[in-house]
Amino acid sequence: MNTSCNALVVPARLAHPVHIRPLDLDATALQRVAAGDVGYIAGHGWRAYLNNDGSRSFPNLRAEVLIREAGVELEDSIHGTAFLLGYVDPGEVTDAPRRLISLAEQLFDVPLAA
């Protein structure tokens, strides 16, 4: 995976805004953005990339709300910054889906430009 896509970024700290950001998608870039080993939560046509050991990071309530509202049941809390991208089988990563961006705009009352 070595490409660039527009990610929907949901920071854990509430003082930092939810935003769209171009993201180079190689393993090193993903680890740098997630501040450690990268894991993901999969939804229908998208993935939320997270730090695998996020328990040392701030809780991310906005990411939890967004992921749940997008239809994914969560067993654990989300910690650290989450970045969401589109995902098309088999393994193609794309820009964050417009429906997730629209949902984030509604939930967090913030205009986002892709």
PDB file of N, CA and C in Angstrom:
ATOM      1  N   MET A   1       0.850  -1.161   0.000  1.00  0.00           N
ATOM      2  CA  MET A   1       0.000   0.000   0.000  1.00  0.00           C
ATOM      3  C   MET A   1       0.903   1.233   0.000  1.00  0.00           C
ATOM      4  N   ASN A   2       0.953   1.956  -1.101  1.00  0.00           N
ATOM      5  CA  ASN A   2       1.774   3.156  -1.192  1.00  0.00           C
ATOM      6  C   ASN A   2       1.082   4.147  -2.118  1.00  0.00           C
ATOM      7  N   THR A   3       0.133   4.881  -1.566  1.00  0.00           N
ATOM      8  CA  THR A   3      -0.670   5.814  -2.335  1.00  0.00           C
ATOM      9  C   THR A   3      -1.057   6.980  -1.435  1.00  0.00           C
ATOM     10  N   SER A   4      -1.763   7.945  -1.984  1.00  0.00           N
ATOM     11  CA  SER A   4      -2.230   9.076  -1.190  1.00  0.00           C
ATOM     12  C   SER A   4      -3.740   9.200  -1.325  1.00  0.00           C
ATOM     13  N   CYS A   5      -4.410   9.391  -0.193  1.00  0.00           N
ATOM     14  CA  CYS A   5      -5.863   9.530  -0.179  1.00  0.00           C
ATOM     15  C   CYS A   5      -6.244  10.619   0.817  1.00  0.00           C
ATOM     16  N   ASN A   6      -7.468  11.113   0.689  1.00  0.00           N
ATOM     17  CA  ASN A   6      -8.003  12.081   1.644  1.00  0.00           C
ATOM     18  C   ASN A   6      -8.669  11.323   2.786  1.00  0.00           C
ATOM     19  N   ALA A   7      -8.122  11.495   3.982  1.00  0.00           N
ATOM     20  CA  ALA A   7      -8.631  10.810   5.168  1.00  0.00           C
ATOM     21  C   ALA A   7      -9.489  11.759   5.991  1.00  0.00           C
ATOM     22  N   LEU A   8     -10.519  11.209   6.598  1.00  0.00           N
ATOM     23  CA  LEU A   8     -11.307  11.921   7.595  1.00  0.00           C
ATOM     24  C   LEU A   8     -10.598  11.680   8.927  1.00  0.00           C
ATOM     25  N   VAL A   9     -10.059  12.731   9.519  1.00  0.00           N
ATOM     26  CA  VAL A   9      -9.267  12.612  10.739  1.00  0.00           C
ATOM     27  C   VAL A   9     -10.106  13.058  11.928  1.00  0.00           C
ATOM     28  N   VAL A  10     -10.197  12.181  12.936  1.00  0.00           N
ATOM     29  CA  VAL A  10     -10.954  12.475  14.152  1.00  0.00           C
ATOM     30  C   VAL A  10      -9.974  12.414  15.323  1.00  0.00           C
ATOM     31  N   PRO A  11      -9.447  13.586  15.718  1.00  0.00           N
ATOM     32  CA  PRO A  11      -8.500  13.617  16.839  1.00  0.00           C
ATOM     33  C   PRO A  11      -9.177  13.271  18.162  1.00  0.00           C
ATOM     34  N   ALA A  12      -8.403  12.700  19.060  1.00  0.00           N
ATOM     35  CA  ALA A  12      -8.945  12.357  20.380  1.00  0.00           C
ATOM     36  C   ALA A  12      -9.195  13.605  21.215  1.00  0.00           C
ATOM     37  N   ARG A  13      -8.310  14.558  21.132  1.00  0.00           N
ATOM     38  CA  ARG A  13      -8.470  15.773  21.934  1.00  0.00           C
ATOM     39  C   ARG A  13      -9.567  16.646  21.334  1.00  0.00           C
ATOM     40  N   LEU A  14     -10.518  17.009  22.160  1.00  0.00           N
ATOM     41  CA  LEU A  14     -11.660  17.797  21.692  1.00  0.00           C
ATOM     42  C   LEU A  14     -11.251  19.190  21.218  1.00  0.00           C
ATOM     43  N   ALA A  15     -10.121  19.690  21.674  1.00  0.00           N
ATOM     44  CA  ALA A  15      -9.636  21.005  21.241  1.00  0.00           C
ATOM     45  C   ALA A  15      -9.139  20.977  19.789  1.00  0.00           C
ATOM     46  N   HIS A  16      -8.863  19.793  19.261  1.00  0.00           N
ATOM     47  CA  HIS A  16      -8.398  19.658  17.885  1.00  0.00           C
ATOM     48  C   HIS A  16      -9.594  19.330  16.987  1.00  0.00           C
ATOM     49  N   PRO A  17      -9.750  20.041  15.876  1.00  0.00           N
ATOM     50  CA  PRO A  17     -10.934  19.849  15.038  1.00  0.00           C
ATOM     51  C   PRO A  17     -10.890  18.572  14.203  1.00  0.00           C
ATOM     52  N   VAL A  18     -12.071  18.045  13.934  1.00  0.00           N
ATOM     53  CA  VAL A  18     -12.231  16.985  12.940  1.00  0.00           C
ATOM     54  C   VAL A  18     -11.953  17.634  11.591  1.00  0.00           C
ATOM     55  N   HIS A  19     -11.197  16.952  10.728  1.00  0.00           N
ATOM     56  CA  HIS A  19     -10.821  17.559   9.458  1.00  0.00           C
ATOM     57  C   HIS A  19     -10.513  16.504   8.398  1.00  0.00           C
ATOM     58  N   ILE A  20     -10.371  16.970   7.164  1.00  0.00           N
ATOM     59  CA  ILE A  20      -9.951  16.135   6.041  1.00  0.00           C
ATOM     60  C   ILE A  20      -8.479  16.437   5.791  1.00  0.00           C
ATOM     61  N   ARG A  21      -7.701  15.397   5.563  1.00  0.00           N
ATOM     62  CA  ARG A  21      -6.269  15.579   5.346  1.00  0.00           C
ATOM     63  C   ARG A  21      -5.753  14.571   4.326  1.00  0.00           C
ATOM     64  N   PRO A  22      -4.930  15.023   3.370  1.00  0.00           N
ATOM     65  CA  PRO A  22      -4.279  14.057   2.481  1.00  0.00           C
ATOM     66  C   PRO A  22      -3.304  13.217   3.295  1.00  0.00           C
ATOM     67  N   LEU A  23      -3.281  11.938   3.014  1.00  0.00           N
ATOM     68  CA  LEU A  23      -2.471  11.026   3.798  1.00  0.00           C
ATOM     69  C   LEU A  23      -1.759  10.059   2.860  1.00  0.00           C
ATOM     70  N   ASP A  24      -0.421  10.017   2.950  1.00  0.00           N
ATOM     71  CA  ASP A  24       0.344   9.024   2.202  1.00  0.00           C
ATOM     72  C   ASP A  24       0.173   7.701   2.921  1.00  0.00           C
ATOM     73  N   LEU A  25      -0.166   6.681   2.165  1.00  0.00           N
ATOM     74  CA  LEU A  25      -0.530   5.410   2.787  1.00  0.00           C
ATOM     75  C   LEU A  25       0.520   4.332   2.567  1.00  0.00           C
ATOM     76  N   ASP A  26       1.614   4.457   3.264  1.00  0.00           N
ATOM     77  CA  ASP A  26       2.545   3.345   3.360  1.00  0.00           C
ATOM     78  C   ASP A  26       2.618   2.983   4.843  1.00  0.00           C
ATOM     79  N   ALA A  27       3.221   1.862   5.152  1.00  0.00           N
ATOM     80  CA  ALA A  27       3.223   1.384   6.540  1.00  0.00           C
ATOM     81  C   ALA A  27       3.844   2.401   7.494  1.00  0.00           C
ATOM     82  N   THR A  28       4.910   3.049   7.089  1.00  0.00           N
ATOM     83  CA  THR A  28       5.575   4.020   7.952  1.00  0.00           C
ATOM     84  C   THR A  28       4.678   5.219   8.222  1.00  0.00           C
ATOM     85  N   ALA A  29       4.009   5.724   7.188  1.00  0.00           N
ATOM     86  CA  ALA A  29       3.116   6.873   7.359  1.00  0.00           C
ATOM     87  C   ALA A  29       1.959   6.522   8.282  1.00  0.00           C
ATOM     88  N   LEU A  30       1.395   5.344   8.110  1.00  0.00           N
ATOM     89  CA  LEU A  30       0.286   4.933   8.974  1.00  0.00           C
ATOM     90  C   LEU A  30       0.737   4.856  10.430  1.00  0.00           C
ATOM     91  N   GLN A  31       1.901   4.304  10.675  1.00  0.00           N
ATOM     92  CA  GLN A  31       2.401   4.205  12.045  1.00  0.00           C
ATOM     93  C   GLN A  31       2.667   5.585  12.634  1.00  0.00           C
ATOM     94  N   ARG A  32       3.182   6.502  11.818  1.00  0.00           N
ATOM     95  CA  ARG A  32       3.470   7.854  12.295  1.00  0.00           C
ATOM     96  C   ARG A  32       2.179   8.573  12.678  1.00  0.00           C
ATOM     97  N   VAL A  33       1.157   8.458  11.845  1.00  0.00           N
ATOM     98  CA  VAL A  33      -0.114   9.126  12.129  1.00  0.00           C
ATOM     99  C   VAL A  33      -0.800   8.498  13.336  1.00  0.00           C
ATOM    100  N   ALA A  34      -0.764   7.191  13.433  1.00  0.00           N
ATOM    101  CA  ALA A  34      -1.423   6.510  14.549  1.00  0.00           C
ATOM    102  C   ALA A  34      -0.563   6.490  15.802  1.00  0.00           C
ATOM    103  N   ALA A  35       0.675   6.933  15.715  1.00  0.00           N
ATOM    104  CA  ALA A  35       1.605   6.974  16.853  1.00  0.00           C
ATOM    105  C   ALA A  35       1.866   5.583  17.414  1.00  0.00           C
ATOM    106  N   GLY A  36       2.039   4.610  16.528  1.00  0.00           N
ATOM    107  CA  GLY A  36       2.351   3.255  16.968  1.00  0.00           C
ATOM    108  C   GLY A  36       1.886   2.235  15.962  1.00  0.00           C
ATOM    109  N   ASP A  37       1.763   0.992  16.421  1.00  0.00           N
ATOM    110  CA  ASP A  37       1.274  -0.066  15.541  1.00  0.00           C
ATOM    111  C   ASP A  37      -0.165   0.212  15.162  1.00  0.00           C
ATOM    112  N   VAL A  38      -0.508  -0.048  13.909  1.00  0.00           N
ATOM    113  CA  VAL A  38      -1.807   0.325  13.375  1.00  0.00           C
ATOM    114  C   VAL A  38      -2.741  -0.882  13.323  1.00  0.00           C
ATOM    115  N   GLY A  39      -3.941  -0.665  13.803  1.00  0.00           N
ATOM    116  CA  GLY A  39      -5.028  -1.612  13.655  1.00  0.00           C
ATOM    117  C   GLY A  39      -6.179  -0.892  12.988  1.00  0.00           C
ATOM    118  N   TYR A  40      -7.265  -1.586  12.732  1.00  0.00           N
ATOM    119  CA  TYR A  40      -8.406  -0.913  12.119  1.00  0.00           C
ATOM    120  C   TYR A  40      -9.712  -1.544  12.555  1.00  0.00           C
ATOM    121  N   ILE A  41     -10.764  -0.757  12.413  1.00  0.00           N
ATOM    122  CA  ILE A  41     -12.138  -1.211  12.590  1.00  0.00           C
ATOM    123  C   ILE A  41     -12.785  -1.083  11.220  1.00  0.00           C
ATOM    124  N   ALA A  42     -13.399  -2.142  10.757  1.00  0.00           N
ATOM    125  CA  ALA A  42     -13.983  -2.138   9.418  1.00  0.00           C
ATOM    126  C   ALA A  42     -15.482  -1.897   9.461  1.00  0.00           C
ATOM    127  N   GLY A  43     -15.931  -1.006   8.586  1.00  0.00           N
ATOM    128  CA  GLY A  43     -17.344  -0.780   8.352  1.00  0.00           C
ATOM    129  C   GLY A  43     -17.648  -1.192   6.922  1.00  0.00           C
ATOM    130  N   HIS A  44     -18.831  -0.896   6.455  1.00  0.00           N
ATOM    131  CA  HIS A  44     -19.213  -1.240   5.087  1.00  0.00           C
ATOM    132  C   HIS A  44     -18.599  -0.218   4.126  1.00  0.00           C
ATOM    133  N   GLY A  45     -17.522  -0.599   3.447  1.00  0.00           N
ATOM    134  CA  GLY A  45     -16.882   0.266   2.475  1.00  0.00           C
ATOM    135  C   GLY A  45     -15.896   1.264   3.061  1.00  0.00           C
ATOM    136  N   TRP A  46     -15.513   1.087   4.320  1.00  0.00           N
ATOM    137  CA  TRP A  46     -14.555   2.002   4.956  1.00  0.00           C
ATOM    138  C   TRP A  46     -13.827   1.298   6.089  1.00  0.00           C
ATOM    139  N   ARG A  47     -12.731   1.915   6.505  1.00  0.00           N
ATOM    140  CA  ARG A  47     -11.978   1.446   7.669  1.00  0.00           C
ATOM    141  C   ARG A  47     -11.564   2.643   8.503  1.00  0.00           C
ATOM    142  N   ALA A  48     -11.599   2.461   9.814  1.00  0.00           N
ATOM    143  CA  ALA A  48     -11.078   3.450  10.757  1.00  0.00           C
ATOM    144  C   ALA A  48      -9.751   2.906  11.257  1.00  0.00           C
ATOM    145  N   TYR A  49      -8.668   3.583  10.914  1.00  0.00           N
ATOM    146  CA  TYR A  49      -7.334   3.169  11.340  1.00  0.00           C
ATOM    147  C   TYR A  49      -7.013   3.817  12.680  1.00  0.00           C
ATOM    148  N   LEU A  50      -6.472   3.002  13.596  1.00  0.00           N
ATOM    149  CA  LEU A  50      -6.227   3.418  14.976  1.00  0.00           C
ATOM    150  C   LEU A  50      -4.907   2.851  15.466  1.00  0.00           C
ATOM    151  N   ASN A  51      -4.421   3.415  16.548  1.00  0.00           N
ATOM    152  CA  ASN A  51      -3.253   2.874  17.218  1.00  0.00           C
ATOM    153  C   ASN A  51      -3.678   1.593  17.931  1.00  0.00           C
ATOM    154  N   ASN A  52      -2.980   0.482  17.677  1.00  0.00           N
ATOM    155  CA  ASN A  52      -3.316  -0.798  18.305  1.00  0.00           C
ATOM    156  C   ASN A  52      -3.205  -0.768  19.817  1.00  0.00           C
ATOM    157  N   ASP A  53      -2.321   0.055  20.340  1.00  0.00           N
ATOM    158  CA  ASP A  53      -2.146   0.155  21.790  1.00  0.00           C
ATOM    159  C   ASP A  53      -2.635   1.518  22.254  1.00  0.00           C
ATOM    160  N   GLY A  54      -3.851   1.852  21.850  1.00  0.00           N
ATOM    161  CA  GLY A  54      -4.388   3.169  22.137  1.00  0.00           C
ATOM    162  C   GLY A  54      -4.713   3.423  23.586  1.00  0.00           C
ATOM    163  N   SER A  55      -4.655   2.402  24.421  1.00  0.00           N
ATOM    164  CA  SER A  55      -5.023   2.604  25.817  1.00  0.00           C
ATOM    165  C   SER A  55      -4.116   3.620  26.507  1.00  0.00           C
ATOM    166  N   ARG A  56      -2.952   3.898  25.920  1.00  0.00           N
ATOM    167  CA  ARG A  56      -2.057   4.904  26.492  1.00  0.00           C
ATOM    168  C   ARG A  56      -2.378   6.304  25.972  1.00  0.00           C
ATOM    169  N   SER A  57      -3.340   6.412  25.081  1.00  0.00           N
ATOM    170  CA  SER A  57      -3.723   7.686  24.476  1.00  0.00           C
ATOM    171  C   SER A  57      -5.021   8.190  25.102  1.00  0.00           C
ATOM    172  N   PHE A  58      -5.399   9.404  24.704  1.00  0.00           N
ATOM    173  CA  PHE A  58      -6.656   9.982  25.163  1.00  0.00           C
ATOM    174  C   PHE A  58      -7.844   9.203  24.584  1.00  0.00           C
ATOM    175  N   PRO A  59      -8.929   9.058  25.350  1.00  0.00           N
ATOM    176  CA  PRO A  59     -10.143   8.455  24.794  1.00  0.00           C
ATOM    177  C   PRO A  59     -10.661   9.315  23.636  1.00  0.00           C
ATOM    178  N   ASN A  60     -11.202   8.681  22.625  1.00  0.00           N
ATOM    179  CA  ASN A  60     -11.708   9.406  21.460  1.00  0.00           C
ATOM    180  C   ASN A  60     -13.219   9.194  21.370  1.00  0.00           C
ATOM    181  N   LEU A  61     -13.962  10.029  22.094  1.00  0.00           N
ATOM    182  CA  LEU A  61     -15.413   9.904  22.142  1.00  0.00           C
ATOM    183  C   LEU A  61     -16.056  10.223  20.800  1.00  0.00           C
ATOM    184  N   ARG A  62     -15.506  11.190  20.073  1.00  0.00           N
ATOM    185  CA  ARG A  62     -16.085  11.534  18.762  1.00  0.00           C
ATOM    186  C   ARG A  62     -15.953  10.368  17.786  1.00  0.00           C
ATOM    187  N   ALA A  63     -14.804   9.713  17.772  1.00  0.00           N
ATOM    188  CA  ALA A  63     -14.630   8.566  16.877  1.00  0.00           C
ATOM    189  C   ALA A  63     -15.590   7.443  17.254  1.00  0.00           C
ATOM    190  N   GLU A  64     -15.777   7.222  18.549  1.00  0.00           N
ATOM    191  CA  GLU A  64     -16.717   6.189  18.996  1.00  0.00           C
ATOM    192  C   GLU A  64     -18.124   6.486  18.497  1.00  0.00           C
ATOM    193  N   VAL A  65     -18.560   7.724  18.664  1.00  0.00           N
ATOM    194  CA  VAL A  65     -19.899   8.111  18.217  1.00  0.00           C
ATOM    195  C   VAL A  65     -20.026   7.944  16.707  1.00  0.00           C
ATOM    196  N   LEU A  66     -19.053   8.433  15.966  1.00  0.00           N
ATOM    197  CA  LEU A  66     -19.094   8.338  14.504  1.00  0.00           C
ATOM    198  C   LEU A  66     -19.146   6.888  14.036  1.00  0.00           C
ATOM    199  N   ILE A  67     -18.303   6.046  14.605  1.00  0.00           N
ATOM    200  CA  ILE A  67     -18.260   4.634  14.197  1.00  0.00           C
ATOM    201  C   ILE A  67     -19.560   3.934  14.544  1.00  0.00           C
ATOM    202  N   ARG A  68     -20.089   4.204  15.727  1.00  0.00           N
ATOM    203  CA  ARG A  68     -21.372   3.584  16.104  1.00  0.00           C
ATOM    204  C   ARG A  68     -22.517   4.069  15.218  1.00  0.00           C
ATOM    205  N   GLU A  69     -22.549   5.370  14.950  1.00  0.00           N
ATOM    206  CA  GLU A  69     -23.603   5.922  14.093  1.00  0.00           C
ATOM    207  C   GLU A  69     -23.486   5.424  12.647  1.00  0.00           C
ATOM    208  N   ALA A  70     -22.279   5.017  12.258  1.00  0.00           N
ATOM    209  CA  ALA A  70     -22.066   4.464  10.922  1.00  0.00           C
ATOM    210  C   ALA A  70     -22.437   2.979  10.867  1.00  0.00           C
ATOM    211  N   GLY A  71     -22.883   2.424  12.010  1.00  0.00           N
ATOM    212  CA  GLY A  71     -23.422   1.073  12.010  1.00  0.00           C
ATOM    213  C   GLY A  71     -22.523  -0.028  12.526  1.00  0.00           C
ATOM    214  N   VAL A  72     -21.431   0.315  13.188  1.00  0.00           N
ATOM    215  CA  VAL A  72     -20.524  -0.703  13.715  1.00  0.00           C
ATOM    216  C   VAL A  72     -20.644  -0.745  15.230  1.00  0.00           C
ATOM    217  N   GLU A  73     -20.907  -1.928  15.756  1.00  0.00           N
ATOM    218  CA  GLU A  73     -20.962  -2.120  17.208  1.00  0.00           C
ATOM    219  C   GLU A  73     -19.541  -2.226  17.735  1.00  0.00           C
ATOM    220  N   LEU A  74     -19.248  -1.496  18.789  1.00  0.00           N
ATOM    221  CA  LEU A  74     -17.921  -1.520  19.394  1.00  0.00           C
ATOM    222  C   LEU A  74     -17.971  -2.213  20.739  1.00  0.00           C
ATOM    223  N   GLU A  75     -16.982  -3.067  20.998  1.00  0.00           N
ATOM    224  CA  GLU A  75     -16.884  -3.728  22.289  1.00  0.00           C
ATOM    225  C   GLU A  75     -15.988  -2.948  23.243  1.00  0.00           C
ATOM    226  N   ASP A  76     -15.002  -2.248  22.684  1.00  0.00           N
ATOM    227  CA  ASP A  76     -14.037  -1.514  23.500  1.00  0.00           C
ATOM    228  C   ASP A  76     -14.100  -0.034  23.179  1.00  0.00           C
ATOM    229  N   SER A  77     -13.476   0.759  24.033  1.00  0.00           N
ATOM    230  CA  SER A  77     -13.375   2.193  23.801  1.00  0.00           C
ATOM    231  C   SER A  77     -12.323   2.477  22.740  1.00  0.00           C
ATOM    232  N   ILE A  78     -12.490   3.616  22.075  1.00  0.00           N
ATOM    233  CA  ILE A  78     -11.519   4.081  21.088  1.00  0.00           C
ATOM    234  C   ILE A  78     -10.592   5.071  21.797  1.00  0.00           C
ATOM    235  N   HIS A  79      -9.300   4.948  21.545  1.00  0.00           N
ATOM    236  CA  HIS A  79      -8.306   5.864  22.104  1.00  0.00           C
ATOM    237  C   HIS A  79      -7.431   6.385  20.987  1.00  0.00           C
ATOM    238  N   GLY A  80      -6.965   7.608  21.133  1.00  0.00           N
ATOM    239  CA  GLY A  80      -6.052   8.186  20.152  1.00  0.00           C
ATOM    240  C   GLY A  80      -6.772   8.660  18.909  1.00  0.00           C
ATOM    241  N   THR A  81      -6.019   9.282  18.022  1.00  0.00           N
ATOM    242  CA  THR A  81      -6.567   9.794  16.772  1.00  0.00           C
ATOM    243  C   THR A  81      -7.015   8.649  15.877  1.00  0.00           C
ATOM    244  N   ALA A  82      -8.172   8.823  15.262  1.00  0.00           N
ATOM    245  CA  ALA A  82      -8.686   7.855  14.284  1.00  0.00           C
ATOM    246  C   ALA A  82      -8.687   8.520  12.917  1.00  0.00           C
ATOM    247  N   PHE A  83      -8.298   7.788  11.896  1.00  0.00           N
ATOM    248  CA  PHE A  83      -8.437   8.319  10.559  1.00  0.00           C
ATOM    249  C   PHE A  83      -9.169   7.302   9.715  1.00  0.00           C
ATOM    250  N   LEU A  84     -10.174   7.807   8.996  1.00  0.00           N
ATOM    251  CA  LEU A  84     -11.087   6.955   8.253  1.00  0.00           C
ATOM    252  C   LEU A  84     -10.864   7.116   6.761  1.00  0.00           C
ATOM    253  N   LEU A  85     -10.838   5.982   6.089  1.00  0.00           N
ATOM    254  CA  LEU A  85     -10.623   5.935   4.649  1.00  0.00           C
ATOM    255  C   LEU A  85     -11.610   4.965   4.029  1.00  0.00           C
ATOM    256  N   GLY A  86     -11.863   5.140   2.752  1.00  0.00           N
ATOM    257  CA  GLY A  86     -12.676   4.185   2.017  1.00  0.00           C
ATOM    258  C   GLY A  86     -11.895   2.903   1.794  1.00  0.00           C
ATOM    259  N   TYR A  87     -12.601   1.811   1.609  1.00  0.00           N
ATOM    260  CA  TYR A  87     -11.957   0.521   1.390  1.00  0.00           C
ATOM    261  C   TYR A  87     -12.797  -0.267   0.406  1.00  0.00           C
ATOM    262  N   VAL A  88     -12.158  -0.701  -0.662  1.00  0.00           N
ATOM    263  CA  VAL A  88     -12.825  -1.490  -1.692  1.00  0.00           C
ATOM    264  C   VAL A  88     -12.075  -2.804  -1.805  1.00  0.00           C
ATOM    265  N   ASP A  89     -12.801  -3.905  -1.763  1.00  0.00           N
ATOM    266  CA  ASP A  89     -12.141  -5.211  -1.922  1.00  0.00           C
ATOM    267  C   ASP A  89     -11.618  -5.341  -3.326  1.00  0.00           C
ATOM    268  N   PRO A  90     -10.526  -5.976  -3.563  1.00  0.00           N
ATOM    269  CA  PRO A  90      -9.626  -6.609  -2.601  1.00  0.00           C
ATOM    270  C   PRO A  90      -8.481  -5.691  -2.203  1.00  0.00           C
ATOM    271  N   GLY A  91      -8.630  -5.017  -1.140  1.00  0.00           N
ATOM    272  CA  GLY A  91      -7.534  -4.278  -0.533  1.00  0.00           C
ATOM    273  C   GLY A  91      -7.237  -2.899  -1.072  1.00  0.00           C
ATOM    274  N   GLU A  92      -8.110  -2.307  -1.850  1.00  0.00           N
ATOM    275  CA  GLU A  92      -7.855  -0.971  -2.377  1.00  0.00           C
ATOM    276  C   GLU A  92      -8.371   0.085  -1.411  1.00  0.00           C
ATOM    277  N   VAL A  93      -7.482   0.975  -0.990  1.00  0.00           N
ATOM    278  CA  VAL A  93      -7.843   2.059  -0.084  1.00  0.00           C
ATOM    279  C   VAL A  93      -8.148   3.292  -0.923  1.00  0.00           C
ATOM    280  N   THR A  94      -9.228   4.000  -0.566  1.00  0.00           N
ATOM    281  CA  THR A  94      -9.668   5.177  -1.304  1.00  0.00           C
ATOM    282  C   THR A  94      -9.921   6.334  -0.338  1.00  0.00           C
ATOM    283  N   ASP A  95     -10.308   7.483  -0.896  1.00  0.00           N
ATOM    284  CA  ASP A  95     -10.681   8.626  -0.062  1.00  0.00           C
ATOM    285  C   ASP A  95     -11.797   8.243   0.902  1.00  0.00           C
ATOM    286  N   ALA A  96     -11.876   8.954   2.008  1.00  0.00           N
ATOM    287  CA  ALA A  96     -12.960   8.742   2.968  1.00  0.00           C
ATOM    288  C   ALA A  96     -14.294   8.880   2.239  1.00  0.00           C
ATOM    289  N   PRO A  97     -15.220   7.953   2.463  1.00  0.00           N
ATOM    290  CA  PRO A  97     -16.511   8.027   1.779  1.00  0.00           C
ATOM    291  C   PRO A  97     -17.286   9.294   2.149  1.00  0.00           C
ATOM    292  N   ARG A  98     -17.953   9.858   1.176  1.00  0.00           N
ATOM    293  CA  ARG A  98     -18.735  11.082   1.384  1.00  0.00           C
ATOM    294  C   ARG A  98     -19.787  10.890   2.470  1.00  0.00           C
ATOM    295  N   ARG A  99     -20.369   9.704   2.585  1.00  0.00           N
ATOM    296  CA  ARG A  99     -21.406   9.470   3.606  1.00  0.00           C
ATOM    297  C   ARG A  99     -20.834   9.581   5.018  1.00  0.00           C
ATOM    298  N   LEU A 100     -19.576   9.176   5.225  1.00  0.00           N
ATOM    299  CA  LEU A 100     -18.945   9.334   6.538  1.00  0.00           C
ATOM    300  C   LEU A 100     -18.625  10.794   6.814  1.00  0.00           C
ATOM    301  N   ILE A 101     -18.185  11.496   5.785  1.00  0.00           N
ATOM    302  CA  ILE A 101     -17.894  12.923   5.940  1.00  0.00           C
ATOM    303  C   ILE A 101     -19.179  13.673   6.286  1.00  0.00           C
ATOM    304  N   SER A 102     -20.269  13.365   5.591  1.00  0.00           N
ATOM    305  CA  SER A 102     -21.566  14.004   5.870  1.00  0.00           C
ATOM    306  C   SER A 102     -22.043  13.686   7.276  1.00  0.00           C
ATOM    307  N   LEU A 103     -21.865  12.448   7.698  1.00  0.00           N
ATOM    308  CA  LEU A 103     -22.266  12.048   9.045  1.00  0.00           C
ATOM    309  C   LEU A 103     -21.454  12.811  10.087  1.00  0.00           C
ATOM    310  N   ALA A 104     -20.154  12.942   9.860  1.00  0.00           N
ATOM    311  CA  ALA A 104     -19.300  13.711  10.787  1.00  0.00           C
ATOM    312  C   ALA A 104     -19.730  15.173  10.826  1.00  0.00           C
ATOM    313  N   GLU A 105     -20.068  15.741   9.675  1.00  0.00           N
ATOM    314  CA  GLU A 105     -20.533  17.136   9.638  1.00  0.00           C
ATOM    315  C   GLU A 105     -21.793  17.309  10.485  1.00  0.00           C
ATOM    316  N   GLN A 106     -22.719  16.360  10.385  1.00  0.00           N
ATOM    317  CA  GLN A 106     -23.967  16.428  11.144  1.00  0.00           C
ATOM    318  C   GLN A 106     -23.718  16.233  12.639  1.00  0.00           C
ATOM    319  N   LEU A 107     -22.932  15.228  12.976  1.00  0.00           N
ATOM    320  CA  LEU A 107     -22.709  14.893  14.387  1.00  0.00           C
ATOM    321  C   LEU A 107     -21.915  15.964  15.140  1.00  0.00           C
ATOM    322  N   PHE A 108     -20.935  16.546  14.464  1.00  0.00           N
ATOM    323  CA  PHE A 108     -20.031  17.473  15.143  1.00  0.00           C
ATOM    324  C   PHE A 108     -20.243  18.913  14.742  1.00  0.00           C
ATOM    325  N   ASP A 109     -21.282  19.154  13.951  1.00  0.00           N
ATOM    326  CA  ASP A 109     -21.656  20.511  13.534  1.00  0.00           C
ATOM    327  C   ASP A 109     -20.447  21.297  13.002  1.00  0.00           C
ATOM    328  N   VAL A 110     -19.777  20.667  12.034  1.00  0.00           N
ATOM    329  CA  VAL A 110     -18.576  21.271  11.456  1.00  0.00           C
ATOM    330  C   VAL A 110     -18.588  21.037   9.948  1.00  0.00           C
ATOM    331  N   PRO A 111     -18.396  22.075   9.139  1.00  0.00           N
ATOM    332  CA  PRO A 111     -18.300  21.859   7.696  1.00  0.00           C
ATOM    333  C   PRO A 111     -16.930  21.276   7.337  1.00  0.00           C
ATOM    334  N   LEU A 112     -16.930  20.261   6.502  1.00  0.00           N
ATOM    335  CA  LEU A 112     -15.682  19.640   6.068  1.00  0.00           C
ATOM    336  C   LEU A 112     -15.614  19.698   4.559  1.00  0.00           C
ATOM    337  N   ALA A 113     -14.476  20.012   4.027  1.00  0.00           N
ATOM    338  CA  ALA A 113     -14.281  20.041   2.583  1.00  0.00           C
ATOM    339  C   ALA A 113     -13.329  18.931   2.208  1.00  0.00           C
ATOM    340  N   ALA A 114     -13.719  18.165   1.223  1.00  0.00           N
ATOM    341  CA  ALA A 114     -12.856  17.053   0.775  1.00  0.00           C
ATOM    342  C   ALA A 114     -11.985  17.498  -0.373  1.00  0.00           C
TER     343      ALA A 114
END
